[in-house]
Amino acid sequence: MARVRAPRTKLARTVELSLVVDADHYEVLIQKVIREAKVSLWIATANVKELRVEAPVGTVARAKGRYVSILDTFDDLLKRGVEIRFLHAGLPSRAFRAELDKRPTLKRSLPMRQCPRVHLKLIAVDGGELYLGSANFTGAGLGAKGDGRRNFELGILTHDDVLLDVMQERFDRIWSGKECKGCRLRALCPAPIDGLATAHAPKAVAKVRARKTSK
């Protein structure tokens, strides 16, 4: 349990959370939280690099001990109807772009938006689970690397509705281009987000909230 002060609130609140340390980022976030998304997956990261993960349980690749690209996970989630939003600051690594080029259908359907001011590291799943921490979406940050190779990372995982609402609102303001007006780094944007015609409201979160309250 931890006491945190949420933005724009006057009262401290008691929030249930779990600590995510080093290898937990792979075991908890990659192997469980992200793969089990049913409605939505929102990711914010400064850096994006190719991420190799263990093949899904029950596959031939897993039986042979093979590692596959995280893009296979995204492809599977999109085919299951999961809404993905991938917000990043820097140009994805050459290896990530090369893997994406191998999947032309996924490349057309994976929603990625770039904003050079993004430095937050956030993963929100189904409007009900939230990761905040230090890890970028990279192999060293989240990948299955050995103890002597992976980064030292710390984060928290919570189901707290207030933190989820505040963080997703913040994410959506960037994603929809509401933060673009007056931005002094606009000239660095390869494609300013407020010029994209596809900006939309976070419908997935509304679905999850409705499903929770109906129980």
N, C-alpha and C. Protein backbone atom coordinates (compact mmCIF):
# COMPACT_ATOMS: atom_id res chain seq x y z
N MET A 1 0.84 -1.19 0.00
CA MET A 1 0.00 0.00 0.00
C MET A 1 0.88 1.25 0.00
N ALA A 2 0.45 2.29 -0.67
CA ALA A 2 1.24 3.51 -0.73
C ALA A 2 0.31 4.71 -0.79
N ARG A 3 0.75 5.81 -0.20
CA ARG A 3 -0.02 7.04 -0.25
C ARG A 3 0.54 7.90 -1.37
N VAL A 4 -0.33 8.29 -2.28
CA VAL A 4 0.09 9.10 -3.42
C VAL A 4 -0.82 10.29 -3.54
N ARG A 5 -0.33 11.34 -4.15
CA ARG A 5 -1.15 12.52 -4.39
C ARG A 5 -1.38 12.63 -5.89
N ALA A 6 -2.62 12.39 -6.30
CA ALA A 6 -2.96 12.44 -7.71
C ALA A 6 -3.01 13.88 -8.18
N PRO A 7 -2.67 14.15 -9.46
CA PRO A 7 -2.72 15.51 -9.99
C PRO A 7 -4.10 16.13 -9.86
N ARG A 8 -4.12 17.41 -9.58
CA ARG A 8 -5.34 18.20 -9.50
C ARG A 8 -6.29 17.73 -8.40
N THR A 9 -5.80 17.02 -7.41
CA THR A 9 -6.63 16.68 -6.26
C THR A 9 -5.97 17.22 -5.01
N LYS A 10 -6.76 17.53 -4.02
CA LYS A 10 -6.24 18.14 -2.80
C LYS A 10 -5.96 17.12 -1.71
N LEU A 11 -6.60 15.95 -1.80
CA LEU A 11 -6.48 14.97 -0.74
C LEU A 11 -5.59 13.81 -1.15
N ALA A 12 -4.69 13.40 -0.24
CA ALA A 12 -3.89 12.20 -0.47
C ALA A 12 -4.80 10.99 -0.37
N ARG A 13 -4.48 9.96 -1.13
CA ARG A 13 -5.29 8.76 -1.16
C ARG A 13 -4.42 7.54 -0.91
N THR A 14 -5.03 6.49 -0.39
CA THR A 14 -4.33 5.23 -0.24
C THR A 14 -4.59 4.37 -1.46
N VAL A 15 -3.53 3.92 -2.11
CA VAL A 15 -3.64 3.20 -3.37
C VAL A 15 -2.96 1.85 -3.25
N GLU A 16 -3.61 0.81 -3.75
CA GLU A 16 -2.99 -0.51 -3.80
C GLU A 16 -2.13 -0.60 -5.06
N LEU A 17 -0.89 -1.00 -4.89
CA LEU A 17 0.01 -1.13 -6.04
C LEU A 17 1.04 -2.20 -5.76
N SER A 18 1.65 -2.69 -6.82
CA SER A 18 2.74 -3.65 -6.68
C SER A 18 3.97 -3.07 -7.36
N LEU A 19 5.13 -3.40 -6.82
CA LEU A 19 6.39 -2.90 -7.34
C LEU A 19 6.88 -3.82 -8.46
N VAL A 20 7.34 -3.22 -9.54
CA VAL A 20 7.87 -3.97 -10.68
C VAL A 20 9.37 -3.67 -10.76
N VAL A 21 10.20 -4.69 -10.60
CA VAL A 21 11.65 -4.50 -10.52
C VAL A 21 12.37 -5.36 -11.56
N ASP A 22 13.21 -4.72 -12.36
CA ASP A 22 14.10 -5.42 -13.29
C ASP A 22 13.38 -6.50 -14.11
N ALA A 23 13.69 -7.79 -13.86
CA ALA A 23 13.13 -8.87 -14.68
C ALA A 23 11.61 -8.98 -14.58
N ASP A 24 11.01 -8.39 -13.54
CA ASP A 24 9.54 -8.39 -13.42
C ASP A 24 8.90 -7.74 -14.64
N HIS A 25 9.60 -6.78 -15.25
CA HIS A 25 9.03 -6.08 -16.41
C HIS A 25 8.72 -7.07 -17.53
N TYR A 26 9.57 -8.06 -17.69
CA TYR A 26 9.33 -9.06 -18.72
C TYR A 26 8.28 -10.07 -18.26
N GLU A 27 8.49 -10.63 -17.08
CA GLU A 27 7.60 -11.68 -16.60
C GLU A 27 6.18 -11.19 -16.40
N VAL A 28 6.02 -9.97 -15.88
CA VAL A 28 4.69 -9.46 -15.56
C VAL A 28 4.07 -8.71 -16.73
N LEU A 29 4.80 -7.74 -17.28
CA LEU A 29 4.21 -6.89 -18.32
C LEU A 29 4.11 -7.59 -19.68
N ILE A 30 5.21 -8.19 -20.13
CA ILE A 30 5.23 -8.79 -21.46
C ILE A 30 4.49 -10.12 -21.50
N GLN A 31 4.82 -11.00 -20.56
CA GLN A 31 4.26 -12.34 -20.59
C GLN A 31 2.80 -12.40 -20.13
N LYS A 32 2.37 -11.44 -19.32
CA LYS A 32 1.02 -11.53 -18.77
C LYS A 32 0.15 -10.34 -19.16
N VAL A 33 0.47 -9.16 -18.66
CA VAL A 33 -0.42 -8.00 -18.79
C VAL A 33 -0.71 -7.67 -20.25
N ILE A 34 0.33 -7.50 -21.07
CA ILE A 34 0.13 -7.11 -22.47
C ILE A 34 -0.54 -8.23 -23.27
N ARG A 35 -0.06 -9.45 -23.12
CA ARG A 35 -0.61 -10.56 -23.90
C ARG A 35 -2.07 -10.85 -23.57
N GLU A 36 -2.51 -10.50 -22.36
CA GLU A 36 -3.87 -10.81 -21.95
C GLU A 36 -4.84 -9.66 -22.19
N ALA A 37 -4.40 -8.61 -22.87
CA ALA A 37 -5.29 -7.48 -23.18
C ALA A 37 -6.50 -7.97 -23.97
N LYS A 38 -7.68 -7.46 -23.62
CA LYS A 38 -8.91 -7.88 -24.28
C LYS A 38 -9.61 -6.73 -25.00
N VAL A 39 -9.42 -5.50 -24.54
CA VAL A 39 -10.12 -4.35 -25.11
C VAL A 39 -9.15 -3.31 -25.65
N SER A 40 -8.18 -2.91 -24.84
CA SER A 40 -7.29 -1.83 -25.27
C SER A 40 -5.90 -1.99 -24.68
N LEU A 41 -4.91 -1.48 -25.43
CA LEU A 41 -3.52 -1.45 -24.99
C LEU A 41 -2.93 -0.12 -25.41
N TRP A 42 -2.62 0.73 -24.42
CA TRP A 42 -2.01 2.03 -24.69
C TRP A 42 -0.59 2.01 -24.15
N ILE A 43 0.37 2.40 -24.99
CA ILE A 43 1.77 2.41 -24.62
C ILE A 43 2.36 3.79 -24.89
N ALA A 44 3.08 4.32 -23.93
CA ALA A 44 3.84 5.57 -24.12
C ALA A 44 5.29 5.30 -23.73
N THR A 45 6.21 5.72 -24.58
CA THR A 45 7.63 5.46 -24.35
C THR A 45 8.46 6.51 -25.07
N ALA A 46 9.64 6.77 -24.54
CA ALA A 46 10.54 7.70 -25.23
C ALA A 46 11.20 6.98 -26.40
N ASN A 47 11.73 5.79 -26.15
CA ASN A 47 12.44 5.03 -27.17
C ASN A 47 11.71 3.76 -27.55
N VAL A 48 11.84 3.36 -28.81
CA VAL A 48 11.24 2.12 -29.30
C VAL A 48 12.33 1.32 -30.00
N LYS A 49 12.54 0.10 -29.53
CA LYS A 49 13.50 -0.79 -30.19
C LYS A 49 12.88 -2.17 -30.35
N GLU A 50 13.46 -2.96 -31.25
CA GLU A 50 12.97 -4.32 -31.44
C GLU A 50 13.08 -5.09 -30.13
N LEU A 51 12.03 -5.81 -29.82
CA LEU A 51 11.93 -6.55 -28.56
C LEU A 51 11.66 -8.01 -28.87
N ARG A 52 12.57 -8.88 -28.50
CA ARG A 52 12.42 -10.31 -28.73
C ARG A 52 11.88 -10.97 -27.47
N VAL A 53 10.83 -11.78 -27.63
CA VAL A 53 10.18 -12.41 -26.49
C VAL A 53 10.00 -13.90 -26.76
N GLU A 54 9.78 -14.66 -25.71
CA GLU A 54 9.52 -16.08 -25.87
C GLU A 54 8.24 -16.29 -26.66
N ALA A 55 8.25 -17.25 -27.55
CA ALA A 55 7.06 -17.57 -28.32
C ALA A 55 5.94 -18.01 -27.38
N PRO A 56 4.68 -17.81 -27.78
CA PRO A 56 3.54 -18.17 -26.92
C PRO A 56 3.56 -19.65 -26.53
N VAL A 57 3.08 -19.93 -25.33
CA VAL A 57 2.99 -21.30 -24.85
C VAL A 57 2.07 -22.11 -25.77
N GLY A 58 2.49 -23.34 -26.09
CA GLY A 58 1.69 -24.20 -26.94
C GLY A 58 2.05 -24.16 -28.41
N THR A 59 2.96 -23.26 -28.78
CA THR A 59 3.38 -23.16 -30.18
C THR A 59 4.62 -24.01 -30.41
N VAL A 60 4.85 -24.35 -31.69
CA VAL A 60 6.04 -25.10 -32.05
C VAL A 60 7.29 -24.30 -31.73
N ALA A 61 7.23 -22.99 -32.00
CA ALA A 61 8.38 -22.12 -31.72
C ALA A 61 8.75 -22.15 -30.24
N ARG A 62 7.72 -22.17 -29.35
CA ARG A 62 7.99 -22.22 -27.92
C ARG A 62 8.65 -23.55 -27.54
N ALA A 63 8.16 -24.63 -28.14
CA ALA A 63 8.73 -25.95 -27.85
C ALA A 63 10.20 -26.02 -28.25
N LYS A 64 10.57 -25.25 -29.28
CA LYS A 64 11.95 -25.24 -29.75
C LYS A 64 12.78 -24.16 -29.06
N GLY A 65 12.17 -23.46 -28.10
CA GLY A 65 12.90 -22.44 -27.35
C GLY A 65 13.20 -21.19 -28.14
N ARG A 66 12.39 -20.89 -29.14
CA ARG A 66 12.65 -19.74 -29.98
C ARG A 66 12.08 -18.44 -29.40
N TYR A 67 12.70 -17.36 -29.80
CA TYR A 67 12.22 -16.02 -29.44
C TYR A 67 11.69 -15.35 -30.71
N VAL A 68 10.61 -14.60 -30.55
CA VAL A 68 9.97 -13.95 -31.69
C VAL A 68 9.82 -12.46 -31.41
N SER A 69 9.49 -11.71 -32.43
CA SER A 69 9.32 -10.27 -32.26
C SER A 69 8.04 -9.96 -31.48
N ILE A 70 8.08 -8.91 -30.66
CA ILE A 70 6.89 -8.44 -29.95
C ILE A 70 5.81 -8.03 -30.94
N LEU A 71 6.21 -7.75 -32.18
CA LEU A 71 5.23 -7.38 -33.20
C LEU A 71 4.24 -8.52 -33.47
N ASP A 72 4.66 -9.75 -33.24
CA ASP A 72 3.74 -10.87 -33.39
C ASP A 72 2.62 -10.76 -32.36
N THR A 73 2.97 -10.31 -31.16
CA THR A 73 1.96 -10.11 -30.11
C THR A 73 0.98 -9.02 -30.51
N PHE A 74 1.51 -7.90 -31.03
CA PHE A 74 0.63 -6.81 -31.48
C PHE A 74 -0.31 -7.29 -32.58
N ASP A 75 0.24 -8.06 -33.50
CA ASP A 75 -0.56 -8.57 -34.61
C ASP A 75 -1.71 -9.43 -34.09
N ASP A 76 -1.40 -10.29 -33.13
CA ASP A 76 -2.42 -11.16 -32.55
C ASP A 76 -3.49 -10.34 -31.82
N LEU A 77 -3.07 -9.33 -31.07
CA LEU A 77 -4.02 -8.49 -30.34
C LEU A 77 -4.95 -7.75 -31.29
N LEU A 78 -4.39 -7.19 -32.36
CA LEU A 78 -5.22 -6.47 -33.33
C LEU A 78 -6.23 -7.40 -33.99
N LYS A 79 -5.81 -8.61 -34.29
CA LYS A 79 -6.72 -9.58 -34.90
C LYS A 79 -7.84 -9.96 -33.94
N ARG A 80 -7.58 -9.84 -32.64
CA ARG A 80 -8.62 -10.14 -31.64
C ARG A 80 -9.47 -8.92 -31.32
N GLY A 81 -9.22 -7.81 -32.04
CA GLY A 81 -10.05 -6.63 -31.86
C GLY A 81 -9.59 -5.68 -30.77
N VAL A 82 -8.38 -5.87 -30.25
CA VAL A 82 -7.86 -4.98 -29.21
C VAL A 82 -7.42 -3.66 -29.84
N GLU A 83 -7.83 -2.55 -29.24
CA GLU A 83 -7.41 -1.23 -29.71
C GLU A 83 -6.01 -0.93 -29.17
N ILE A 84 -5.07 -0.67 -30.07
CA ILE A 84 -3.71 -0.34 -29.66
C ILE A 84 -3.41 1.11 -29.99
N ARG A 85 -2.80 1.78 -29.03
CA ARG A 85 -2.26 3.13 -29.27
C ARG A 85 -0.81 3.13 -28.81
N PHE A 86 0.09 3.47 -29.71
CA PHE A 86 1.52 3.41 -29.42
C PHE A 86 2.09 4.81 -29.61
N LEU A 87 2.40 5.47 -28.51
CA LEU A 87 2.89 6.85 -28.51
C LEU A 87 4.37 6.84 -28.17
N HIS A 88 5.20 7.49 -29.02
CA HIS A 88 6.65 7.44 -28.81
C HIS A 88 7.29 8.77 -29.20
N ALA A 89 8.52 8.98 -28.72
CA ALA A 89 9.22 10.23 -28.99
C ALA A 89 10.21 10.11 -30.14
N GLY A 90 11.11 9.15 -30.06
CA GLY A 90 12.15 9.03 -31.06
C GLY A 90 11.77 8.12 -32.20
N LEU A 91 12.56 8.17 -33.26
CA LEU A 91 12.38 7.27 -34.39
C LEU A 91 12.65 5.84 -33.92
N PRO A 92 11.75 4.89 -34.18
CA PRO A 92 12.02 3.49 -33.79
C PRO A 92 13.34 3.01 -34.37
N SER A 93 13.95 2.08 -33.69
CA SER A 93 15.25 1.57 -34.13
C SER A 93 15.16 0.92 -35.51
N ARG A 94 16.30 0.81 -36.15
CA ARG A 94 16.35 0.21 -37.49
C ARG A 94 15.83 -1.23 -37.45
N ALA A 95 16.18 -1.98 -36.39
CA ALA A 95 15.73 -3.36 -36.29
C ALA A 95 14.22 -3.44 -36.14
N PHE A 96 13.63 -2.53 -35.36
CA PHE A 96 12.18 -2.52 -35.20
C PHE A 96 11.51 -2.21 -36.53
N ARG A 97 12.03 -1.22 -37.25
CA ARG A 97 11.44 -0.84 -38.54
C ARG A 97 11.57 -1.98 -39.55
N ALA A 98 12.69 -2.69 -39.49
CA ALA A 98 12.90 -3.81 -40.42
C ALA A 98 11.90 -4.93 -40.14
N GLU A 99 11.66 -5.20 -38.86
CA GLU A 99 10.69 -6.24 -38.52
C GLU A 99 9.28 -5.82 -38.94
N LEU A 100 8.98 -4.53 -38.77
CA LEU A 100 7.65 -4.04 -39.15
C LEU A 100 7.47 -4.10 -40.66
N ASP A 101 8.54 -3.84 -41.40
CA ASP A 101 8.46 -3.91 -42.87
C ASP A 101 8.14 -5.31 -43.36
N LYS A 102 8.49 -6.33 -42.57
CA LYS A 102 8.20 -7.71 -42.94
C LYS A 102 6.71 -8.04 -42.81
N ARG A 103 5.98 -7.14 -42.14
CA ARG A 103 4.57 -7.36 -41.87
C ARG A 103 3.77 -6.18 -42.42
N PRO A 104 3.63 -6.08 -43.75
CA PRO A 104 2.98 -4.91 -44.35
C PRO A 104 1.56 -4.68 -43.86
N THR A 105 0.81 -5.74 -43.60
CA THR A 105 -0.56 -5.56 -43.09
C THR A 105 -0.54 -4.95 -41.70
N LEU A 106 0.35 -5.45 -40.85
CA LEU A 106 0.48 -4.90 -39.50
C LEU A 106 0.97 -3.45 -39.56
N LYS A 107 1.91 -3.17 -40.46
CA LYS A 107 2.46 -1.82 -40.58
C LYS A 107 1.36 -0.81 -40.91
N ARG A 108 0.39 -1.22 -41.71
CA ARG A 108 -0.72 -0.33 -42.07
C ARG A 108 -1.73 -0.18 -40.93
N SER A 109 -1.82 -1.19 -40.07
CA SER A 109 -2.89 -1.19 -39.07
C SER A 109 -2.44 -0.86 -37.65
N LEU A 110 -1.12 -0.84 -37.40
CA LEU A 110 -0.62 -0.56 -36.05
C LEU A 110 -0.58 0.95 -35.82
N PRO A 111 -1.41 1.48 -34.93
CA PRO A 111 -1.46 2.93 -34.70
C PRO A 111 -0.26 3.41 -33.87
N MET A 112 0.65 4.13 -34.51
CA MET A 112 1.81 4.70 -33.84
C MET A 112 1.86 6.20 -34.13
N ARG A 113 2.06 7.01 -33.08
CA ARG A 113 2.17 8.45 -33.25
C ARG A 113 3.40 8.96 -32.51
N GLN A 114 4.09 9.89 -33.14
CA GLN A 114 5.36 10.37 -32.61
C GLN A 114 5.24 11.80 -32.12
N CYS A 115 5.72 12.03 -30.90
CA CYS A 115 5.79 13.37 -30.33
C CYS A 115 7.13 13.50 -29.62
N PRO A 116 7.99 14.42 -30.03
CA PRO A 116 9.33 14.52 -29.46
C PRO A 116 9.36 14.89 -27.98
N ARG A 117 8.24 15.34 -27.44
CA ARG A 117 8.20 15.73 -26.03
C ARG A 117 7.83 14.57 -25.10
N VAL A 118 7.47 13.45 -25.68
CA VAL A 118 7.05 12.30 -24.86
C VAL A 118 8.26 11.69 -24.15
N HIS A 119 8.22 11.70 -22.83
CA HIS A 119 9.26 11.04 -22.05
C HIS A 119 8.64 10.12 -21.01
N LEU A 120 7.31 10.12 -20.92
CA LEU A 120 6.64 9.24 -19.97
C LEU A 120 6.70 7.79 -20.43
N LYS A 121 6.76 6.89 -19.47
CA LYS A 121 6.71 5.45 -19.74
C LYS A 121 5.45 4.92 -19.07
N LEU A 122 4.51 4.50 -19.89
CA LEU A 122 3.18 4.14 -19.42
C LEU A 122 2.64 2.99 -20.24
N ILE A 123 2.00 2.06 -19.58
CA ILE A 123 1.25 1.00 -20.26
C ILE A 123 -0.09 0.88 -19.55
N ALA A 124 -1.18 1.07 -20.29
CA ALA A 124 -2.53 0.95 -19.74
C ALA A 124 -3.26 -0.13 -20.52
N VAL A 125 -3.82 -1.09 -19.82
CA VAL A 125 -4.48 -2.23 -20.45
C VAL A 125 -5.94 -2.32 -20.02
N ASP A 126 -6.84 -2.34 -20.98
CA ASP A 126 -8.27 -2.53 -20.76
C ASP A 126 -8.89 -1.50 -19.83
N GLY A 127 -8.26 -0.36 -19.69
CA GLY A 127 -8.79 0.66 -18.79
C GLY A 127 -8.83 0.22 -17.35
N GLY A 128 -8.11 -0.88 -17.02
CA GLY A 128 -8.19 -1.41 -15.67
C GLY A 128 -6.85 -1.75 -15.04
N GLU A 129 -5.76 -1.63 -15.79
CA GLU A 129 -4.45 -1.97 -15.27
C GLU A 129 -3.45 -0.95 -15.80
N LEU A 130 -2.61 -0.43 -14.91
CA LEU A 130 -1.71 0.67 -15.27
C LEU A 130 -0.30 0.42 -14.78
N TYR A 131 0.67 0.55 -15.70
CA TYR A 131 2.08 0.54 -15.33
C TYR A 131 2.65 1.93 -15.52
N LEU A 132 3.37 2.41 -14.51
CA LEU A 132 4.14 3.65 -14.60
C LEU A 132 5.54 3.34 -14.09
N GLY A 133 6.55 3.75 -14.83
CA GLY A 133 7.89 3.45 -14.36
C GLY A 133 8.97 4.01 -15.24
N SER A 134 10.15 3.40 -15.18
CA SER A 134 11.32 3.92 -15.88
C SER A 134 11.58 3.26 -17.23
N ALA A 135 10.94 2.11 -17.48
CA ALA A 135 11.31 1.28 -18.63
C ALA A 135 10.79 1.80 -19.96
N ASN A 136 11.69 2.02 -20.90
CA ASN A 136 11.31 2.27 -22.28
C ASN A 136 10.89 0.96 -22.93
N PHE A 137 10.22 1.08 -24.10
CA PHE A 137 9.80 -0.12 -24.82
C PHE A 137 10.96 -0.62 -25.67
N THR A 138 11.92 -1.23 -25.00
CA THR A 138 13.13 -1.74 -25.63
C THR A 138 13.48 -3.09 -25.02
N GLY A 139 14.38 -3.79 -25.68
CA GLY A 139 14.82 -5.07 -25.16
C GLY A 139 15.51 -4.94 -23.82
N ALA A 140 16.34 -3.92 -23.65
CA ALA A 140 17.05 -3.73 -22.38
C ALA A 140 16.10 -3.31 -21.27
N GLY A 141 15.01 -2.63 -21.64
CA GLY A 141 14.06 -2.17 -20.63
C GLY A 141 13.05 -3.23 -20.24
N LEU A 142 12.52 -3.93 -21.24
CA LEU A 142 11.44 -4.88 -21.00
C LEU A 142 11.74 -6.30 -21.46
N GLY A 143 12.85 -6.49 -22.15
CA GLY A 143 13.09 -7.77 -22.79
C GLY A 143 13.63 -8.85 -21.90
N ALA A 144 13.67 -10.05 -22.48
CA ALA A 144 14.16 -11.22 -21.75
C ALA A 144 15.67 -11.31 -21.86
N LYS A 145 16.36 -10.37 -21.31
CA LYS A 145 17.82 -10.38 -21.31
C LYS A 145 18.32 -10.93 -19.98
N GLY A 146 19.57 -11.38 -19.94
CA GLY A 146 20.15 -11.91 -18.71
C GLY A 146 20.39 -10.82 -17.68
N ASP A 147 20.63 -11.24 -16.45
CA ASP A 147 20.82 -10.28 -15.35
C ASP A 147 21.96 -9.31 -15.62
N GLY A 148 22.98 -9.76 -16.35
CA GLY A 148 24.13 -8.90 -16.60
C GLY A 148 23.96 -7.98 -17.79
N ARG A 149 22.78 -8.04 -18.47
CA ARG A 149 22.60 -7.25 -19.69
C ARG A 149 21.42 -6.28 -19.62
N ARG A 150 20.37 -6.67 -18.89
CA ARG A 150 19.19 -5.80 -18.89
C ARG A 150 19.42 -4.56 -18.04
N ASN A 151 18.64 -3.54 -18.29
CA ASN A 151 18.73 -2.31 -17.51
C ASN A 151 18.23 -2.54 -16.08
N PHE A 152 18.64 -1.67 -15.18
CA PHE A 152 18.03 -1.61 -13.86
C PHE A 152 16.77 -0.75 -14.00
N GLU A 153 15.62 -1.33 -13.78
CA GLU A 153 14.35 -0.62 -13.98
C GLU A 153 13.46 -0.76 -12.75
N LEU A 154 12.66 0.27 -12.51
CA LEU A 154 11.68 0.25 -11.42
C LEU A 154 10.36 0.82 -11.91
N GLY A 155 9.28 0.27 -11.43
CA GLY A 155 7.97 0.80 -11.79
C GLY A 155 6.91 0.31 -10.82
N ILE A 156 5.68 0.74 -11.05
CA ILE A 156 4.56 0.28 -10.24
C ILE A 156 3.45 -0.21 -11.16
N LEU A 157 2.65 -1.13 -10.65
CA LEU A 157 1.48 -1.65 -11.35
C LEU A 157 0.28 -1.50 -10.43
N THR A 158 -0.79 -0.91 -10.95
CA THR A 158 -1.96 -0.64 -10.12
C THR A 158 -3.25 -0.80 -10.91
N HIS A 159 -4.34 -1.04 -10.19
CA HIS A 159 -5.68 -1.09 -10.78
C HIS A 159 -6.50 0.13 -10.34
N ASP A 160 -5.86 1.09 -9.71
CA ASP A 160 -6.58 2.23 -9.14
C ASP A 160 -7.30 3.05 -10.21
N ASP A 161 -8.62 3.20 -10.06
CA ASP A 161 -9.42 3.89 -11.07
C ASP A 161 -9.03 5.34 -11.25
N VAL A 162 -8.71 6.03 -10.15
CA VAL A 162 -8.39 7.46 -10.25
C VAL A 162 -7.09 7.66 -11.01
N LEU A 163 -6.06 6.90 -10.67
CA LEU A 163 -4.79 7.03 -11.38
C LEU A 163 -4.96 6.65 -12.85
N LEU A 164 -5.73 5.61 -13.12
CA LEU A 164 -5.99 5.22 -14.50
C LEU A 164 -6.66 6.34 -15.28
N ASP A 165 -7.68 6.95 -14.68
CA ASP A 165 -8.39 8.03 -15.37
C ASP A 165 -7.48 9.22 -15.64
N VAL A 166 -6.68 9.59 -14.64
CA VAL A 166 -5.79 10.75 -14.80
C VAL A 166 -4.72 10.47 -15.86
N MET A 167 -4.10 9.29 -15.80
CA MET A 167 -3.03 8.97 -16.75
C MET A 167 -3.56 8.78 -18.17
N GLN A 168 -4.72 8.17 -18.31
CA GLN A 168 -5.28 7.97 -19.65
C GLN A 168 -5.76 9.28 -20.25
N GLU A 169 -6.26 10.16 -19.40
CA GLU A 169 -6.65 11.49 -19.90
C GLU A 169 -5.42 12.23 -20.41
N ARG A 170 -4.33 12.14 -19.66
CA ARG A 170 -3.08 12.78 -20.07
C ARG A 170 -2.59 12.20 -21.39
N PHE A 171 -2.59 10.87 -21.48
CA PHE A 171 -2.18 10.19 -22.70
C PHE A 171 -3.05 10.64 -23.87
N ASP A 172 -4.35 10.68 -23.67
CA ASP A 172 -5.26 11.01 -24.77
C ASP A 172 -5.09 12.44 -25.26
N ARG A 173 -4.74 13.36 -24.35
CA ARG A 173 -4.52 14.74 -24.78
C ARG A 173 -3.34 14.81 -25.75
N ILE A 174 -2.31 14.03 -25.49
CA ILE A 174 -1.17 14.00 -26.40
C ILE A 174 -1.54 13.27 -27.68
N TRP A 175 -2.17 12.12 -27.55
CA TRP A 175 -2.52 11.28 -28.69
C TRP A 175 -3.45 12.00 -29.66
N SER A 176 -4.38 12.76 -29.14
CA SER A 176 -5.37 13.44 -29.99
C SER A 176 -4.89 14.79 -30.52
N GLY A 177 -3.69 15.23 -30.11
CA GLY A 177 -3.14 16.49 -30.61
C GLY A 177 -3.56 17.72 -29.84
N LYS A 178 -4.21 17.53 -28.68
CA LYS A 178 -4.66 18.68 -27.90
C LYS A 178 -3.50 19.46 -27.27
N GLU A 179 -2.32 18.81 -27.18
CA GLU A 179 -1.15 19.48 -26.61
C GLU A 179 -0.30 20.15 -27.68
N CYS A 180 -0.68 20.02 -28.95
CA CYS A 180 0.15 20.53 -30.05
C CYS A 180 0.11 22.06 -30.17
N LYS A 181 -1.03 22.65 -29.90
CA LYS A 181 -1.16 24.08 -30.08
C LYS A 181 -0.19 24.82 -29.16
N GLY A 182 0.62 25.67 -29.74
CA GLY A 182 1.57 26.46 -28.96
C GLY A 182 2.84 25.71 -28.59
N CYS A 183 2.98 24.46 -29.02
CA CYS A 183 4.18 23.68 -28.69
C CYS A 183 5.39 24.28 -29.40
N ARG A 184 6.44 24.56 -28.67
CA ARG A 184 7.63 25.19 -29.25
C ARG A 184 8.56 24.18 -29.93
N LEU A 185 8.22 22.90 -29.83
CA LEU A 185 9.01 21.87 -30.52
C LEU A 185 8.28 21.33 -31.74
N ARG A 186 7.22 22.02 -32.13
CA ARG A 186 6.41 21.54 -33.26
C ARG A 186 7.24 21.34 -34.53
N ALA A 187 8.24 22.18 -34.72
CA ALA A 187 9.06 22.09 -35.93
C ALA A 187 9.82 20.76 -36.01
N LEU A 188 9.99 20.10 -34.87
CA LEU A 188 10.71 18.83 -34.84
C LEU A 188 9.81 17.64 -35.15
N CYS A 189 8.51 17.86 -35.18
CA CYS A 189 7.57 16.76 -35.44
C CYS A 189 7.58 16.37 -36.91
N PRO A 190 7.77 15.09 -37.20
CA PRO A 190 7.70 14.65 -38.60
C PRO A 190 6.28 14.79 -39.16
N ALA A 191 5.29 14.68 -38.25
CA ALA A 191 3.88 14.83 -38.65
C ALA A 191 3.11 15.25 -37.42
N PRO A 192 2.92 16.57 -37.21
CA PRO A 192 2.22 17.04 -36.02
C PRO A 192 0.90 16.30 -35.81
N ILE A 193 0.68 15.83 -34.59
CA ILE A 193 -0.46 14.97 -34.30
C ILE A 193 -1.80 15.67 -34.54
N ASP A 194 -1.85 16.98 -34.29
CA ASP A 194 -3.13 17.66 -34.45
C ASP A 194 -3.54 17.78 -35.92
N GLY A 195 -2.65 17.38 -36.81
CA GLY A 195 -3.00 17.40 -38.22
C GLY A 195 -3.51 16.06 -38.71
N LEU A 196 -3.51 15.06 -37.83
CA LEU A 196 -3.98 13.74 -38.22
C LEU A 196 -5.50 13.69 -38.14
N ALA A 197 -6.10 13.15 -39.15
CA ALA A 197 -7.57 13.13 -39.21
C ALA A 197 -8.16 12.00 -38.40
N THR A 198 -7.30 11.11 -37.86
CA THR A 198 -7.82 9.92 -37.19
C THR A 198 -7.95 10.06 -35.68
N ALA A 199 -7.65 11.26 -35.14
CA ALA A 199 -7.75 11.43 -33.70
C ALA A 199 -9.18 11.14 -33.24
N HIS A 200 -9.31 10.42 -32.13
CA HIS A 200 -10.64 10.06 -31.66
C HIS A 200 -10.65 9.95 -30.14
N ALA A 201 -11.84 9.85 -29.57
CA ALA A 201 -12.01 9.77 -28.13
C ALA A 201 -11.71 8.35 -27.66
N PRO A 202 -11.34 8.18 -26.36
CA PRO A 202 -10.99 6.87 -25.83
C PRO A 202 -12.21 5.99 -25.58
N LYS A 203 -12.79 5.43 -26.68
CA LYS A 203 -14.00 4.63 -26.56
C LYS A 203 -13.77 3.35 -25.77
N ALA A 204 -12.56 2.78 -25.90
CA ALA A 204 -12.29 1.51 -25.23
C ALA A 204 -12.41 1.63 -23.73
N VAL A 205 -11.94 2.76 -23.17
CA VAL A 205 -12.01 2.95 -21.74
C VAL A 205 -13.45 2.99 -21.28
N ALA A 206 -14.29 3.67 -22.04
CA ALA A 206 -15.70 3.76 -21.70
C ALA A 206 -16.33 2.37 -21.67
N LYS A 207 -15.96 1.49 -22.60
CA LYS A 207 -16.49 0.13 -22.64
C LYS A 207 -16.10 -0.63 -21.38
N VAL A 208 -14.83 -0.48 -20.98
CA VAL A 208 -14.35 -1.20 -19.82
C VAL A 208 -15.06 -0.71 -18.57
N ARG A 209 -15.19 0.61 -18.42
CA ARG A 209 -15.87 1.17 -17.26
C ARG A 209 -17.30 0.64 -17.20
N ALA A 210 -17.98 0.59 -18.34
CA ALA A 210 -19.36 0.13 -18.36
C ALA A 210 -19.43 -1.34 -17.97
N ARG A 211 -18.46 -2.13 -18.42
CA ARG A 211 -18.46 -3.54 -18.11
C ARG A 211 -18.22 -3.76 -16.62
N LYS A 212 -17.36 -2.95 -16.00
CA LYS A 212 -17.09 -3.09 -14.59
C LYS A 212 -18.33 -2.77 -13.75
N THR A 213 -19.01 -1.68 -14.08
CA THR A 213 -20.14 -1.24 -13.27
C THR A 213 -21.34 -2.14 -13.44
N SER A 214 -21.37 -2.96 -14.53
CA SER A 214 -22.51 -3.81 -14.76
C SER A 214 -22.44 -5.10 -13.96
N LYS A 215 -21.27 -5.38 -13.34
CA LYS A 215 -21.11 -6.62 -12.58
C LYS A 215 -21.83 -6.53 -11.23
